N, C-alpha and C. Protein backbone atom coordinates (compact mmCIF):
# COMPACT_ATOMS: atom_id res chain seq x y z
N UNK A 1 -4.09 -3.60 -14.64
CA UNK A 1 -3.24 -2.93 -15.57
C UNK A 1 -1.88 -3.52 -15.50
N UNK A 2 -1.09 -3.57 -16.58
CA UNK A 2 0.11 -4.28 -16.65
C UNK A 2 1.31 -3.42 -16.11
N UNK A 3 1.10 -2.18 -15.99
CA UNK A 3 2.20 -1.26 -15.54
C UNK A 3 1.86 -0.50 -14.18
N UNK A 4 1.03 -1.18 -13.34
CA UNK A 4 0.70 -0.56 -12.08
C UNK A 4 0.83 -1.58 -11.02
N UNK A 5 1.02 -1.12 -9.69
CA UNK A 5 1.21 -1.98 -8.71
C UNK A 5 0.41 -1.38 -7.46
N UNK A 6 -0.18 -2.28 -6.64
CA UNK A 6 -0.82 -1.72 -5.43
C UNK A 6 -0.52 -2.37 -4.16
N UNK A 7 -0.87 -1.83 -3.08
CA UNK A 7 -0.78 -2.41 -1.83
C UNK A 7 -2.04 -2.07 -1.00
N UNK A 8 -2.45 -2.94 -0.13
CA UNK A 8 -3.61 -2.72 0.77
C UNK A 8 -3.19 -3.28 2.14
N UNK A 9 -3.44 -2.45 3.12
CA UNK A 9 -2.94 -2.90 4.51
C UNK A 9 -4.23 -2.60 5.42
N UNK A 10 -4.48 -3.62 6.26
CA UNK A 10 -5.49 -3.39 7.35
C UNK A 10 -4.85 -3.86 8.69
N UNK A 11 -5.08 -3.15 9.68
CA UNK A 11 -4.40 -3.42 11.05
C UNK A 11 -5.39 -2.95 12.18
N UNK A 12 -5.31 -3.65 13.26
CA UNK A 12 -5.92 -3.30 14.48
C UNK A 12 -5.11 -2.46 15.36
N UNK A 13 -5.72 -1.40 15.82
CA UNK A 13 -4.98 -0.43 16.60
C UNK A 13 -5.03 -0.80 18.18
N UNK A 14 -3.92 -0.83 18.85
CA UNK A 14 -4.00 -1.08 20.24
C UNK A 14 -4.98 -0.21 20.97
N UNK A 15 -5.83 -0.71 21.72
CA UNK A 15 -6.91 0.06 22.46
C UNK A 15 -6.26 0.70 23.73
N UNK A 16 -6.58 1.97 23.97
CA UNK A 16 -6.33 2.79 25.19
C UNK A 16 -7.50 2.56 26.19
N UNK A 17 -8.70 2.46 25.53
CA UNK A 17 -9.89 2.24 26.43
C UNK A 17 -10.45 0.90 26.27
N UNK A 18 -10.65 0.18 27.37
CA UNK A 18 -11.27 -1.14 27.26
C UNK A 18 -12.53 -1.19 26.43
N UNK A 19 -12.76 -2.06 25.52
CA UNK A 19 -13.97 -2.22 24.78
C UNK A 19 -14.03 -1.49 23.51
N UNK A 20 -12.97 -0.55 23.30
CA UNK A 20 -12.96 0.19 22.08
C UNK A 20 -11.92 -0.45 21.16
N UNK A 21 -12.37 -1.18 20.16
CA UNK A 21 -11.55 -1.79 19.12
C UNK A 21 -11.60 -0.99 17.87
N UNK A 22 -10.35 -0.49 17.39
CA UNK A 22 -10.32 0.34 16.17
C UNK A 22 -9.49 -0.48 15.10
N UNK A 23 -9.90 -0.32 13.87
CA UNK A 23 -9.18 -0.90 12.81
C UNK A 23 -8.90 0.18 11.81
N UNK A 24 -7.68 0.23 11.22
CA UNK A 24 -7.21 1.26 10.27
C UNK A 24 -7.05 0.46 8.86
N UNK A 25 -7.40 1.19 7.74
CA UNK A 25 -7.27 0.57 6.47
C UNK A 25 -6.63 1.62 5.55
N UNK A 26 -5.71 1.11 4.73
CA UNK A 26 -5.08 2.11 3.70
C UNK A 26 -4.83 1.26 2.53
N UNK A 27 -4.85 2.01 1.36
CA UNK A 27 -4.49 1.32 0.13
C UNK A 27 -3.84 2.45 -0.82
N UNK A 28 -3.05 1.96 -1.68
CA UNK A 28 -2.32 2.92 -2.67
C UNK A 28 -1.99 2.05 -3.91
N UNK A 29 -2.18 2.84 -5.07
CA UNK A 29 -1.85 2.25 -6.30
C UNK A 29 -1.05 3.19 -7.11
N UNK A 30 -0.05 2.77 -7.88
CA UNK A 30 0.89 3.67 -8.58
C UNK A 30 1.57 2.92 -9.70
N UNK A 31 2.23 3.77 -10.56
CA UNK A 31 2.93 3.07 -11.68
C UNK A 31 4.13 2.47 -11.34
N UNK A 32 4.50 1.27 -11.99
CA UNK A 32 5.74 0.59 -11.76
C UNK A 32 6.90 1.34 -12.38
N UNK A 33 7.91 1.67 -11.70
CA UNK A 33 9.08 2.31 -12.24
C UNK A 33 10.13 1.31 -12.52
N UNK A 34 10.87 1.52 -13.59
CA UNK A 34 12.00 0.64 -13.98
C UNK A 34 13.11 1.45 -14.63
N UNK A 35 14.32 1.25 -14.12
CA UNK A 35 15.40 2.03 -14.63
C UNK A 35 16.03 1.14 -15.75
N UNK A 36 16.33 1.76 -16.88
CA UNK A 36 17.00 0.99 -17.99
C UNK A 36 18.17 1.82 -18.49
N UNK A 37 19.13 1.10 -19.20
CA UNK A 37 20.20 1.79 -19.90
C UNK A 37 19.70 2.57 -21.03
N UNK A 38 20.48 3.52 -21.36
CA UNK A 38 20.14 4.42 -22.55
C UNK A 38 20.05 3.51 -23.79
N UNK A 39 19.04 3.71 -24.56
CA UNK A 39 18.80 2.90 -25.87
C UNK A 39 18.00 1.64 -25.55
N UNK A 40 17.86 1.27 -24.34
CA UNK A 40 17.08 0.08 -23.95
C UNK A 40 15.67 0.48 -23.77
N UNK A 41 14.67 -0.47 -24.07
CA UNK A 41 13.32 -0.14 -23.92
C UNK A 41 12.76 -0.85 -22.74
């Protein structure tokens, strides 16, 4: 879509217990916001 933007993040979490490897993943998409002067499109 022309007027949307998204981000995707994947990260490894530091382990408190040996041998326990965890990964977190998040993503978000939303409309692009743009501020314009009055009368401008």
